[in-house]
Amino acid sequence: MVITVSREYGAGGSEVARRVAAALGWSVVDNELVEQVAERAGLTAAEVAEREERAPTFVERLSRTLAAAMPEFVAPPGGTVPDLDEARLVRITEGVVAELAEKGRVVLVGRAAPVVLGRREGALHVRLVALRTYRIQAASERLGIDPEEAARIVDESDQMRASYHREYYERAWTDPLNYDMTLNTSALGLQGATDVIIARARQLGW
């Protein structure tokens, strides 16, 4: 049993995933793991902030995370993370996502999990969207930046995610048919979206 949450930037994916996991008594794996693992790897808060400010790519973030959390997955004999090309990191990501899903009772956020897991039995794939104005405001408030900067981050993040899906899976990230349900958090609210997901999970006997 696994729930994947794909989300537009600022649509509240992290919070909804946490609420769903808490309600079901499951674990949650989110992008915030990147920062937590970076601290475990000995990075200072300033270093984490600096890397975040320059909007690192998905591969850079994943590389740092896996290097600290699971070096056996990443570093080849005699090699280091920087030696890895992007295509290999994508394959590593797929292996990690599949392994997490195999353990079950987990809510996975991002990492192209809906693609990797496909239509496997016991998986519910959710996509969260919201009005751009809503997402810009949410990003502005959460990051403490002006709306113009928030708009840039929202647009660049969405473009990066769409590009990742298109380049490595020839798949449209925005196509609702690639998900079991698409929920608008600017209309439903974060708790409303959470309730819909939980209700469906209960219907599935989870």
N, C-alpha and C. Protein backbone atom coordinates (compact mmCIF):
# COMPACT_ATOMS: atom_id res chain seq x y z
N MET A 1 0.84 -1.20 0.00
CA MET A 1 0.00 0.00 0.00
C MET A 1 0.88 1.24 0.00
N VAL A 2 0.69 2.08 -0.99
CA VAL A 2 1.49 3.29 -1.11
C VAL A 2 0.65 4.38 -1.76
N ILE A 3 0.85 5.60 -1.29
CA ILE A 3 0.20 6.77 -1.89
C ILE A 3 1.29 7.69 -2.40
N THR A 4 1.22 8.08 -3.66
CA THR A 4 2.18 9.03 -4.20
C THR A 4 1.49 10.38 -4.37
N VAL A 5 2.23 11.43 -4.07
CA VAL A 5 1.70 12.78 -4.18
C VAL A 5 2.59 13.59 -5.12
N SER A 6 2.05 13.89 -6.28
CA SER A 6 2.73 14.79 -7.22
C SER A 6 2.09 16.16 -7.02
N ARG A 7 2.89 17.22 -7.08
CA ARG A 7 2.31 18.52 -6.74
C ARG A 7 2.96 19.66 -7.49
N GLU A 8 2.14 20.65 -7.81
CA GLU A 8 2.65 21.91 -8.30
C GLU A 8 3.30 22.63 -7.13
N TYR A 9 4.32 23.42 -7.42
CA TYR A 9 5.01 24.12 -6.35
C TYR A 9 4.06 25.10 -5.67
N GLY A 10 3.98 25.02 -4.35
CA GLY A 10 3.12 25.92 -3.61
C GLY A 10 1.70 25.41 -3.42
N ALA A 11 1.40 24.21 -3.92
CA ALA A 11 0.05 23.67 -3.80
C ALA A 11 -0.17 22.94 -2.48
N GLY A 12 0.85 22.88 -1.66
CA GLY A 12 0.69 22.27 -0.33
C GLY A 12 0.92 20.78 -0.29
N GLY A 13 1.66 20.25 -1.23
CA GLY A 13 1.88 18.81 -1.28
C GLY A 13 2.52 18.23 -0.03
N SER A 14 3.51 18.92 0.51
CA SER A 14 4.20 18.43 1.69
C SER A 14 3.26 18.33 2.89
N GLU A 15 2.49 19.37 3.10
CA GLU A 15 1.58 19.40 4.24
C GLU A 15 0.47 18.36 4.10
N VAL A 16 -0.11 18.26 2.92
CA VAL A 16 -1.17 17.27 2.69
C VAL A 16 -0.62 15.87 2.90
N ALA A 17 0.57 15.60 2.39
CA ALA A 17 1.18 14.28 2.55
C ALA A 17 1.38 13.95 4.02
N ARG A 18 1.85 14.93 4.80
CA ARG A 18 2.05 14.70 6.23
C ARG A 18 0.73 14.41 6.94
N ARG A 19 -0.30 15.14 6.56
CA ARG A 19 -1.60 14.93 7.21
C ARG A 19 -2.18 13.56 6.86
N VAL A 20 -2.03 13.17 5.61
CA VAL A 20 -2.52 11.87 5.18
C VAL A 20 -1.78 10.75 5.92
N ALA A 21 -0.45 10.87 5.96
CA ALA A 21 0.35 9.85 6.63
C ALA A 21 0.00 9.75 8.10
N ALA A 22 -0.20 10.90 8.73
CA ALA A 22 -0.54 10.91 10.16
C ALA A 22 -1.88 10.24 10.40
N ALA A 23 -2.85 10.53 9.54
CA ALA A 23 -4.19 9.96 9.70
C ALA A 23 -4.19 8.45 9.52
N LEU A 24 -3.36 7.97 8.61
CA LEU A 24 -3.31 6.54 8.33
C LEU A 24 -2.32 5.79 9.22
N GLY A 25 -1.46 6.54 9.90
CA GLY A 25 -0.44 5.90 10.71
C GLY A 25 0.71 5.38 9.87
N TRP A 26 0.93 6.01 8.73
CA TRP A 26 2.00 5.61 7.81
C TRP A 26 3.19 6.53 7.96
N SER A 27 4.28 6.19 7.26
CA SER A 27 5.44 7.06 7.18
C SER A 27 5.32 7.93 5.94
N VAL A 28 6.08 9.02 5.89
CA VAL A 28 6.07 9.91 4.75
C VAL A 28 7.50 10.19 4.31
N VAL A 29 7.73 10.18 3.01
CA VAL A 29 9.04 10.50 2.45
C VAL A 29 8.86 11.70 1.54
N ASP A 30 9.51 12.81 1.90
CA ASP A 30 9.28 14.07 1.22
C ASP A 30 10.62 14.72 0.86
N ASN A 31 10.54 15.80 0.09
CA ASN A 31 11.74 16.54 -0.28
C ASN A 31 12.44 17.15 0.93
N GLU A 32 11.70 17.34 2.01
CA GLU A 32 12.32 17.91 3.19
C GLU A 32 13.41 17.00 3.74
N LEU A 33 13.36 15.73 3.35
CA LEU A 33 14.40 14.78 3.75
C LEU A 33 15.76 15.27 3.29
N VAL A 34 15.79 16.01 2.17
CA VAL A 34 17.05 16.51 1.64
C VAL A 34 17.75 17.39 2.67
N GLU A 35 17.02 18.34 3.25
CA GLU A 35 17.62 19.23 4.23
C GLU A 35 18.03 18.48 5.50
N GLN A 36 17.16 17.55 5.94
CA GLN A 36 17.45 16.80 7.15
C GLN A 36 18.72 15.97 6.99
N VAL A 37 18.83 15.32 5.84
CA VAL A 37 20.01 14.49 5.59
C VAL A 37 21.25 15.35 5.42
N ALA A 38 21.08 16.52 4.81
CA ALA A 38 22.21 17.43 4.65
C ALA A 38 22.79 17.79 6.00
N GLU A 39 21.95 17.99 7.00
CA GLU A 39 22.42 18.30 8.35
C GLU A 39 23.17 17.10 8.93
N ARG A 40 22.62 15.92 8.71
CA ARG A 40 23.29 14.72 9.20
C ARG A 40 24.65 14.53 8.54
N ALA A 41 24.76 15.05 7.30
CA ALA A 41 26.02 14.92 6.56
C ALA A 41 27.04 15.96 7.00
N GLY A 42 26.63 16.85 7.92
CA GLY A 42 27.57 17.83 8.43
C GLY A 42 27.49 19.19 7.79
N LEU A 43 26.44 19.46 7.02
CA LEU A 43 26.26 20.76 6.41
C LEU A 43 25.64 21.73 7.41
N THR A 44 26.08 22.98 7.37
CA THR A 44 25.49 23.98 8.25
C THR A 44 24.19 24.47 7.66
N ALA A 45 23.40 25.15 8.49
CA ALA A 45 22.14 25.70 8.01
C ALA A 45 22.40 26.71 6.90
N ALA A 46 23.48 27.48 7.03
CA ALA A 46 23.82 28.48 6.01
C ALA A 46 24.14 27.81 4.68
N GLU A 47 24.84 26.70 4.75
CA GLU A 47 25.18 26.00 3.52
C GLU A 47 23.94 25.44 2.84
N VAL A 48 23.03 24.91 3.64
CA VAL A 48 21.77 24.41 3.09
C VAL A 48 21.00 25.54 2.44
N ALA A 49 20.91 26.68 3.15
CA ALA A 49 20.18 27.82 2.61
C ALA A 49 20.81 28.32 1.33
N GLU A 50 22.14 28.35 1.28
CA GLU A 50 22.82 28.83 0.08
C GLU A 50 22.52 27.94 -1.12
N ARG A 51 22.54 26.65 -0.89
CA ARG A 51 22.26 25.73 -1.99
C ARG A 51 20.82 25.84 -2.44
N GLU A 52 19.92 26.09 -1.49
CA GLU A 52 18.52 26.24 -1.86
C GLU A 52 18.30 27.54 -2.62
N GLU A 53 19.01 28.58 -2.27
CA GLU A 53 18.81 29.87 -2.92
C GLU A 53 19.19 29.84 -4.39
N ARG A 54 20.14 29.00 -4.72
CA ARG A 54 20.52 28.96 -6.13
C ARG A 54 19.71 27.92 -6.91
N ALA A 55 18.59 27.52 -6.29
CA ALA A 55 17.65 26.62 -6.95
C ALA A 55 18.33 25.41 -7.59
N PRO A 56 18.92 24.53 -6.79
CA PRO A 56 19.58 23.35 -7.34
C PRO A 56 18.60 22.47 -8.10
N THR A 57 19.12 21.76 -9.06
CA THR A 57 18.26 20.87 -9.84
C THR A 57 17.88 19.67 -9.00
N PHE A 58 16.90 18.95 -9.47
CA PHE A 58 16.44 17.74 -8.79
C PHE A 58 17.62 16.79 -8.58
N VAL A 59 18.46 16.66 -9.60
CA VAL A 59 19.58 15.72 -9.52
C VAL A 59 20.58 16.15 -8.46
N GLU A 60 20.86 17.45 -8.35
CA GLU A 60 21.77 17.91 -7.32
C GLU A 60 21.23 17.60 -5.93
N ARG A 61 19.94 17.87 -5.72
CA ARG A 61 19.30 17.61 -4.43
C ARG A 61 19.33 16.11 -4.13
N LEU A 62 18.99 15.32 -5.11
CA LEU A 62 18.95 13.88 -4.92
C LEU A 62 20.35 13.35 -4.63
N SER A 63 21.33 13.88 -5.33
CA SER A 63 22.70 13.44 -5.14
C SER A 63 23.15 13.66 -3.70
N ARG A 64 22.86 14.83 -3.15
CA ARG A 64 23.25 15.12 -1.78
C ARG A 64 22.52 14.20 -0.81
N THR A 65 21.25 13.99 -1.06
CA THR A 65 20.45 13.17 -0.17
C THR A 65 20.95 11.73 -0.13
N LEU A 66 21.08 11.13 -1.30
CA LEU A 66 21.47 9.72 -1.37
C LEU A 66 22.90 9.51 -0.91
N ALA A 67 23.77 10.50 -1.15
CA ALA A 67 25.15 10.37 -0.73
C ALA A 67 25.25 10.24 0.79
N ALA A 68 24.42 11.00 1.49
CA ALA A 68 24.46 10.98 2.95
C ALA A 68 23.66 9.83 3.53
N ALA A 69 22.50 9.57 2.94
CA ALA A 69 21.59 8.59 3.52
C ALA A 69 21.89 7.16 3.10
N MET A 70 22.26 6.99 1.83
CA MET A 70 22.45 5.64 1.31
C MET A 70 23.67 5.59 0.39
N PRO A 71 24.87 5.78 0.92
CA PRO A 71 26.06 5.81 0.06
C PRO A 71 26.26 4.54 -0.75
N GLU A 72 25.74 3.42 -0.24
CA GLU A 72 25.90 2.17 -0.98
C GLU A 72 25.14 2.19 -2.30
N PHE A 73 24.08 3.04 -2.39
CA PHE A 73 23.32 3.15 -3.62
C PHE A 73 24.02 4.04 -4.63
N VAL A 74 24.86 4.95 -4.14
CA VAL A 74 25.33 6.03 -4.99
C VAL A 74 26.78 5.90 -5.43
N ALA A 75 27.66 5.77 -4.48
CA ALA A 75 29.07 5.84 -4.83
C ALA A 75 29.58 4.54 -5.42
N PRO A 76 30.05 4.55 -6.65
CA PRO A 76 30.63 3.35 -7.25
C PRO A 76 31.98 3.08 -6.61
N PRO A 77 32.52 1.87 -6.78
CA PRO A 77 33.81 1.55 -6.19
C PRO A 77 34.87 2.57 -6.59
N GLY A 78 35.49 3.19 -5.61
CA GLY A 78 36.52 4.17 -5.90
C GLY A 78 35.99 5.48 -6.43
N GLY A 79 34.65 5.65 -6.47
CA GLY A 79 34.07 6.86 -7.03
C GLY A 79 33.28 7.64 -6.01
N THR A 80 32.78 8.78 -6.44
CA THR A 80 31.97 9.62 -5.57
C THR A 80 30.75 10.06 -6.32
N VAL A 81 29.86 10.73 -5.63
CA VAL A 81 28.63 11.19 -6.25
C VAL A 81 28.87 12.03 -7.49
N PRO A 82 29.81 13.01 -7.48
CA PRO A 82 30.01 13.83 -8.67
C PRO A 82 30.38 13.03 -9.91
N ASP A 83 30.88 11.78 -9.73
CA ASP A 83 31.23 10.96 -10.87
C ASP A 83 30.00 10.44 -11.61
N LEU A 84 28.84 10.52 -10.98
CA LEU A 84 27.64 9.95 -11.56
C LEU A 84 27.02 10.88 -12.57
N ASP A 85 26.54 10.32 -13.67
CA ASP A 85 25.84 11.16 -14.63
C ASP A 85 24.37 11.18 -14.26
N GLU A 86 23.64 12.09 -14.87
CA GLU A 86 22.25 12.30 -14.51
C GLU A 86 21.40 11.07 -14.76
N ALA A 87 21.65 10.38 -15.88
CA ALA A 87 20.85 9.21 -16.21
C ALA A 87 20.97 8.13 -15.13
N ARG A 88 22.18 7.96 -14.59
CA ARG A 88 22.35 6.93 -13.57
C ARG A 88 21.62 7.33 -12.28
N LEU A 89 21.63 8.62 -11.97
CA LEU A 89 20.91 9.06 -10.78
C LEU A 89 19.41 8.83 -10.92
N VAL A 90 18.92 8.95 -12.13
CA VAL A 90 17.50 8.68 -12.36
C VAL A 90 17.21 7.22 -12.07
N ARG A 91 18.09 6.34 -12.53
CA ARG A 91 17.90 4.92 -12.27
C ARG A 91 17.99 4.60 -10.78
N ILE A 92 18.91 5.29 -10.10
CA ILE A 92 19.04 5.09 -8.66
C ILE A 92 17.75 5.52 -7.96
N THR A 93 17.22 6.65 -8.41
CA THR A 93 15.97 7.14 -7.84
C THR A 93 14.87 6.11 -7.98
N GLU A 94 14.78 5.51 -9.16
CA GLU A 94 13.76 4.50 -9.40
C GLU A 94 13.90 3.33 -8.44
N GLY A 95 15.14 2.92 -8.21
CA GLY A 95 15.38 1.81 -7.30
C GLY A 95 14.98 2.13 -5.88
N VAL A 96 15.29 3.35 -5.44
CA VAL A 96 14.95 3.76 -4.08
C VAL A 96 13.44 3.87 -3.90
N VAL A 97 12.77 4.48 -4.89
CA VAL A 97 11.31 4.61 -4.82
C VAL A 97 10.66 3.24 -4.78
N ALA A 98 11.12 2.33 -5.62
CA ALA A 98 10.56 0.98 -5.65
C ALA A 98 10.77 0.27 -4.33
N GLU A 99 11.94 0.47 -3.74
CA GLU A 99 12.24 -0.18 -2.46
C GLU A 99 11.34 0.35 -1.34
N LEU A 100 11.13 1.65 -1.33
CA LEU A 100 10.26 2.25 -0.32
C LEU A 100 8.83 1.76 -0.49
N ALA A 101 8.39 1.68 -1.73
CA ALA A 101 7.02 1.23 -2.00
C ALA A 101 6.84 -0.22 -1.60
N GLU A 102 7.89 -1.00 -1.75
CA GLU A 102 7.81 -2.42 -1.41
C GLU A 102 7.59 -2.61 0.09
N LYS A 103 8.11 -1.69 0.89
CA LYS A 103 7.92 -1.77 2.33
C LYS A 103 6.47 -1.47 2.70
N GLY A 104 5.81 -0.65 1.87
CA GLY A 104 4.39 -0.37 2.06
C GLY A 104 4.10 0.64 3.16
N ARG A 105 2.82 1.05 3.21
CA ARG A 105 2.35 2.01 4.21
C ARG A 105 3.21 3.27 4.23
N VAL A 106 3.38 3.86 3.07
CA VAL A 106 4.20 5.05 2.94
C VAL A 106 3.55 6.03 1.98
N VAL A 107 3.70 7.32 2.26
CA VAL A 107 3.26 8.37 1.37
C VAL A 107 4.51 8.98 0.75
N LEU A 108 4.64 8.86 -0.57
CA LEU A 108 5.81 9.35 -1.28
C LEU A 108 5.48 10.67 -1.97
N VAL A 109 6.29 11.69 -1.74
CA VAL A 109 6.06 12.99 -2.35
C VAL A 109 7.09 13.22 -3.45
N GLY A 110 6.62 13.49 -4.67
CA GLY A 110 7.51 13.80 -5.77
C GLY A 110 8.33 12.62 -6.24
N ARG A 111 9.53 12.91 -6.75
CA ARG A 111 10.48 11.91 -7.24
C ARG A 111 9.92 11.05 -8.36
N ALA A 112 8.96 11.59 -9.10
CA ALA A 112 8.37 10.88 -10.24
C ALA A 112 7.82 9.51 -9.83
N ALA A 113 7.43 9.37 -8.57
CA ALA A 113 6.96 8.08 -8.06
C ALA A 113 5.78 7.51 -8.85
N PRO A 114 4.82 8.33 -9.31
CA PRO A 114 3.71 7.75 -10.09
C PRO A 114 4.18 7.07 -11.37
N VAL A 115 5.25 7.59 -11.95
CA VAL A 115 5.79 6.97 -13.17
C VAL A 115 6.51 5.69 -12.83
N VAL A 116 7.35 5.76 -11.82
CA VAL A 116 8.17 4.61 -11.44
C VAL A 116 7.31 3.43 -11.01
N LEU A 117 6.27 3.73 -10.26
CA LEU A 117 5.42 2.65 -9.73
C LEU A 117 4.32 2.25 -10.69
N GLY A 118 4.07 3.11 -11.69
CA GLY A 118 3.07 2.79 -12.70
C GLY A 118 1.71 2.49 -12.10
N ARG A 119 1.05 1.51 -12.64
CA ARG A 119 -0.29 1.13 -12.16
C ARG A 119 -0.24 -0.12 -11.29
N ARG A 120 0.83 -0.22 -10.52
CA ARG A 120 0.97 -1.40 -9.68
C ARG A 120 -0.19 -1.48 -8.69
N GLU A 121 -0.53 -2.69 -8.35
CA GLU A 121 -1.63 -2.90 -7.41
C GLU A 121 -1.25 -2.35 -6.04
N GLY A 122 -2.20 -1.74 -5.37
CA GLY A 122 -1.93 -1.22 -4.05
C GLY A 122 -1.28 0.14 -4.04
N ALA A 123 -1.45 0.90 -5.14
CA ALA A 123 -0.88 2.25 -5.21
C ALA A 123 -1.97 3.25 -5.59
N LEU A 124 -1.98 4.38 -4.92
CA LEU A 124 -2.92 5.45 -5.22
C LEU A 124 -2.11 6.69 -5.59
N HIS A 125 -2.28 7.17 -6.82
CA HIS A 125 -1.48 8.29 -7.31
C HIS A 125 -2.31 9.57 -7.33
N VAL A 126 -1.85 10.55 -6.57
CA VAL A 126 -2.58 11.81 -6.41
C VAL A 126 -1.75 12.97 -6.95
N ARG A 127 -2.40 13.90 -7.62
CA ARG A 127 -1.74 15.13 -8.07
C ARG A 127 -2.46 16.32 -7.45
N LEU A 128 -1.69 17.22 -6.85
CA LEU A 128 -2.24 18.42 -6.24
C LEU A 128 -1.91 19.64 -7.09
N VAL A 129 -2.93 20.42 -7.40
CA VAL A 129 -2.76 21.63 -8.18
C VAL A 129 -3.42 22.78 -7.41
N ALA A 130 -3.18 24.00 -7.86
CA ALA A 130 -3.82 25.17 -7.25
C ALA A 130 -3.64 26.35 -8.18
N LEU A 131 -4.46 27.36 -8.01
CA LEU A 131 -4.33 28.57 -8.80
C LEU A 131 -2.92 29.14 -8.62
N ARG A 132 -2.38 29.69 -9.70
CA ARG A 132 -1.03 30.24 -9.64
C ARG A 132 -0.94 31.34 -8.59
N THR A 133 -1.95 32.19 -8.49
CA THR A 133 -1.93 33.26 -7.50
C THR A 133 -1.87 32.70 -6.08
N TYR A 134 -2.59 31.62 -5.85
CA TYR A 134 -2.59 30.96 -4.54
C TYR A 134 -1.20 30.42 -4.24
N ARG A 135 -0.59 29.81 -5.22
CA ARG A 135 0.73 29.20 -5.03
C ARG A 135 1.81 30.25 -4.83
N ILE A 136 1.71 31.35 -5.53
CA ILE A 136 2.67 32.44 -5.36
C ILE A 136 2.58 33.01 -3.96
N GLN A 137 1.37 33.21 -3.49
CA GLN A 137 1.18 33.74 -2.14
C GLN A 137 1.71 32.76 -1.10
N ALA A 138 1.42 31.48 -1.29
CA ALA A 138 1.90 30.47 -0.35
C ALA A 138 3.42 30.43 -0.31
N ALA A 139 4.04 30.50 -1.49
CA ALA A 139 5.51 30.48 -1.56
C ALA A 139 6.10 31.74 -0.94
N SER A 140 5.47 32.87 -1.19
CA SER A 140 5.94 34.14 -0.64
C SER A 140 5.91 34.13 0.88
N GLU A 141 4.82 33.62 1.43
CA GLU A 141 4.68 33.58 2.89
C GLU A 141 5.62 32.56 3.52
N ARG A 142 5.73 31.40 2.89
CA ARG A 142 6.56 30.34 3.46
C ARG A 142 8.04 30.68 3.39
N LEU A 143 8.48 31.29 2.29
CA LEU A 143 9.89 31.60 2.09
C LEU A 143 10.28 32.99 2.58
N GLY A 144 9.28 33.81 2.88
CA GLY A 144 9.57 35.15 3.33
C GLY A 144 10.16 36.04 2.26
N ILE A 145 9.65 35.91 1.04
CA ILE A 145 10.16 36.69 -0.09
C ILE A 145 9.01 37.45 -0.74
N ASP A 146 9.36 38.40 -1.62
CA ASP A 146 8.31 39.19 -2.26
C ASP A 146 7.61 38.36 -3.34
N PRO A 147 6.39 38.71 -3.70
CA PRO A 147 5.61 37.93 -4.67
C PRO A 147 6.31 37.75 -6.02
N GLU A 148 7.06 38.73 -6.45
CA GLU A 148 7.75 38.61 -7.74
C GLU A 148 8.77 37.50 -7.72
N GLU A 149 9.55 37.43 -6.65
CA GLU A 149 10.53 36.36 -6.51
C GLU A 149 9.84 35.02 -6.34
N ALA A 150 8.75 35.02 -5.58
CA ALA A 150 8.00 33.79 -5.38
C ALA A 150 7.45 33.27 -6.70
N ALA A 151 6.98 34.18 -7.55
CA ALA A 151 6.45 33.78 -8.86
C ALA A 151 7.53 33.12 -9.70
N ARG A 152 8.75 33.66 -9.62
CA ARG A 152 9.86 33.08 -10.39
C ARG A 152 10.15 31.66 -9.92
N ILE A 153 10.17 31.48 -8.60
CA ILE A 153 10.46 30.15 -8.05
C ILE A 153 9.36 29.16 -8.41
N VAL A 154 8.11 29.60 -8.30
CA VAL A 154 6.98 28.74 -8.64
C VAL A 154 7.09 28.27 -10.09
N ASP A 155 7.32 29.20 -10.99
CA ASP A 155 7.37 28.86 -12.42
C ASP A 155 8.58 27.99 -12.75
N GLU A 156 9.73 28.33 -12.19
CA GLU A 156 10.94 27.54 -12.49
C GLU A 156 10.83 26.13 -11.93
N SER A 157 10.28 26.01 -10.74
CA SER A 157 10.14 24.68 -10.13
C SER A 157 9.20 23.79 -10.94
N ASP A 158 8.09 24.35 -11.37
CA ASP A 158 7.15 23.58 -12.18
C ASP A 158 7.77 23.19 -13.52
N GLN A 159 8.51 24.12 -14.12
CA GLN A 159 9.16 23.83 -15.40
C GLN A 159 10.19 22.72 -15.24
N MET A 160 10.92 22.74 -14.14
CA MET A 160 11.94 21.72 -13.89
C MET A 160 11.30 20.34 -13.74
N ARG A 161 10.20 20.28 -13.00
CA ARG A 161 9.52 19.00 -12.80
C ARG A 161 8.92 18.47 -14.10
N ALA A 162 8.34 19.37 -14.87
CA ALA A 162 7.77 18.96 -16.16
C ALA A 162 8.86 18.47 -17.09
N SER A 163 9.99 19.16 -17.10
CA SER A 163 11.10 18.78 -17.96
C SER A 163 11.66 17.42 -17.57
N TYR A 164 11.75 17.16 -16.28
CA TYR A 164 12.27 15.89 -15.78
C TYR A 164 11.41 14.73 -16.28
N HIS A 165 10.10 14.87 -16.16
CA HIS A 165 9.19 13.82 -16.62
C HIS A 165 9.26 13.65 -18.13
N ARG A 166 9.35 14.76 -18.82
CA ARG A 166 9.37 14.71 -20.29
C ARG A 166 10.66 14.07 -20.80
N GLU A 167 11.79 14.47 -20.20
CA GLU A 167 13.09 14.00 -20.68
C GLU A 167 13.34 12.54 -20.39
N TYR A 168 12.97 12.10 -19.19
CA TYR A 168 13.32 10.73 -18.79
C TYR A 168 12.20 9.72 -18.95
N TYR A 169 10.97 10.19 -19.10
CA TYR A 169 9.86 9.25 -19.19
C TYR A 169 8.93 9.53 -20.37
N GLU A 170 9.23 10.59 -21.13
CA GLU A 170 8.39 10.98 -22.27
C GLU A 170 6.93 11.04 -21.82
N ARG A 171 6.75 11.69 -20.71
CA ARG A 171 5.43 11.73 -20.08
C ARG A 171 5.08 13.16 -19.70
N ALA A 172 3.82 13.53 -19.91
CA ALA A 172 3.36 14.87 -19.56
C ALA A 172 3.04 14.92 -18.08
N TRP A 173 3.80 15.67 -17.34
CA TRP A 173 3.62 15.78 -15.89
C TRP A 173 2.24 16.32 -15.53
N THR A 174 1.68 17.14 -16.40
CA THR A 174 0.40 17.79 -16.10
C THR A 174 -0.82 16.99 -16.54
N ASP A 175 -0.64 15.89 -17.24
CA ASP A 175 -1.77 15.11 -17.75
C ASP A 175 -2.52 14.43 -16.61
N PRO A 176 -3.78 14.80 -16.37
CA PRO A 176 -4.53 14.22 -15.25
C PRO A 176 -4.75 12.72 -15.39
N LEU A 177 -4.68 12.20 -16.61
CA LEU A 177 -4.89 10.77 -16.81
C LEU A 177 -3.74 9.93 -16.27
N ASN A 178 -2.64 10.59 -15.91
CA ASN A 178 -1.52 9.86 -15.33
C ASN A 178 -1.66 9.65 -13.82
N TYR A 179 -2.80 10.12 -13.28
CA TYR A 179 -3.02 10.02 -11.84
C TYR A 179 -4.42 9.45 -11.56
N ASP A 180 -4.60 8.93 -10.37
CA ASP A 180 -5.91 8.41 -9.98
C ASP A 180 -6.86 9.53 -9.61
N MET A 181 -6.31 10.62 -9.10
CA MET A 181 -7.14 11.78 -8.78
C MET A 181 -6.29 13.05 -8.83
N THR A 182 -6.91 14.14 -9.25
CA THR A 182 -6.26 15.45 -9.26
C THR A 182 -7.10 16.38 -8.40
N LEU A 183 -6.50 16.97 -7.38
CA LEU A 183 -7.23 17.79 -6.42
C LEU A 183 -6.69 19.22 -6.41
N ASN A 184 -7.61 20.18 -6.39
CA ASN A 184 -7.27 21.59 -6.39
C ASN A 184 -7.30 22.11 -4.95
N THR A 185 -6.12 22.35 -4.38
CA THR A 185 -6.06 22.76 -2.99
C THR A 185 -6.51 24.21 -2.78
N SER A 186 -6.47 25.02 -3.83
CA SER A 186 -6.96 26.39 -3.67
C SER A 186 -8.48 26.42 -3.59
N ALA A 187 -9.11 25.34 -4.02
CA ALA A 187 -10.57 25.22 -3.93
C ALA A 187 -10.99 24.38 -2.73
N LEU A 188 -10.30 23.27 -2.50
CA LEU A 188 -10.67 22.35 -1.43
C LEU A 188 -10.05 22.72 -0.08
N GLY A 189 -8.92 23.42 -0.13
CA GLY A 189 -8.16 23.65 1.09
C GLY A 189 -7.28 22.43 1.37
N LEU A 190 -6.27 22.60 2.17
CA LEU A 190 -5.36 21.49 2.45
C LEU A 190 -6.06 20.35 3.18
N GLN A 191 -6.91 20.69 4.15
CA GLN A 191 -7.60 19.63 4.87
C GLN A 191 -8.65 18.97 4.00
N GLY A 192 -9.29 19.75 3.14
CA GLY A 192 -10.27 19.16 2.23
C GLY A 192 -9.63 18.14 1.32
N ALA A 193 -8.46 18.48 0.76
CA ALA A 193 -7.75 17.54 -0.10
C ALA A 193 -7.31 16.31 0.69
N THR A 194 -6.86 16.56 1.91
CA THR A 194 -6.45 15.45 2.79
C THR A 194 -7.62 14.50 3.02
N ASP A 195 -8.77 15.05 3.30
CA ASP A 195 -9.95 14.22 3.59
C ASP A 195 -10.36 13.36 2.39
N VAL A 196 -10.24 13.93 1.19
CA VAL A 196 -10.59 13.17 -0.01
C VAL A 196 -9.66 11.98 -0.18
N ILE A 197 -8.37 12.21 0.03
CA ILE A 197 -7.38 11.14 -0.12
C ILE A 197 -7.61 10.05 0.92
N ILE A 198 -7.82 10.46 2.15
CA ILE A 198 -8.06 9.49 3.22
C ILE A 198 -9.32 8.68 2.97
N ALA A 199 -10.36 9.37 2.49
CA ALA A 199 -11.60 8.66 2.20
C ALA A 199 -11.39 7.58 1.15
N ARG A 200 -10.62 7.90 0.13
CA ARG A 200 -10.35 6.92 -0.92
C ARG A 200 -9.50 5.76 -0.38
N ALA A 201 -8.53 6.09 0.46
CA ALA A 201 -7.71 5.05 1.06
C ALA A 201 -8.56 4.10 1.90
N ARG A 202 -9.53 4.67 2.62
CA ARG A 202 -10.42 3.83 3.43
C ARG A 202 -11.27 2.93 2.54
N GLN A 203 -11.73 3.50 1.42
CA GLN A 203 -12.52 2.70 0.47
C GLN A 203 -11.73 1.51 -0.06
N LEU A 204 -10.43 1.71 -0.17
CA LEU A 204 -9.56 0.64 -0.65
C LEU A 204 -9.18 -0.35 0.45
N GLY A 205 -9.68 -0.08 1.65
CA GLY A 205 -9.42 -0.99 2.76
C GLY A 205 -8.11 -0.74 3.46
N TRP A 206 -7.57 0.48 3.30
CA TRP A 206 -6.28 0.79 3.92
C TRP A 206 -6.47 1.43 5.28
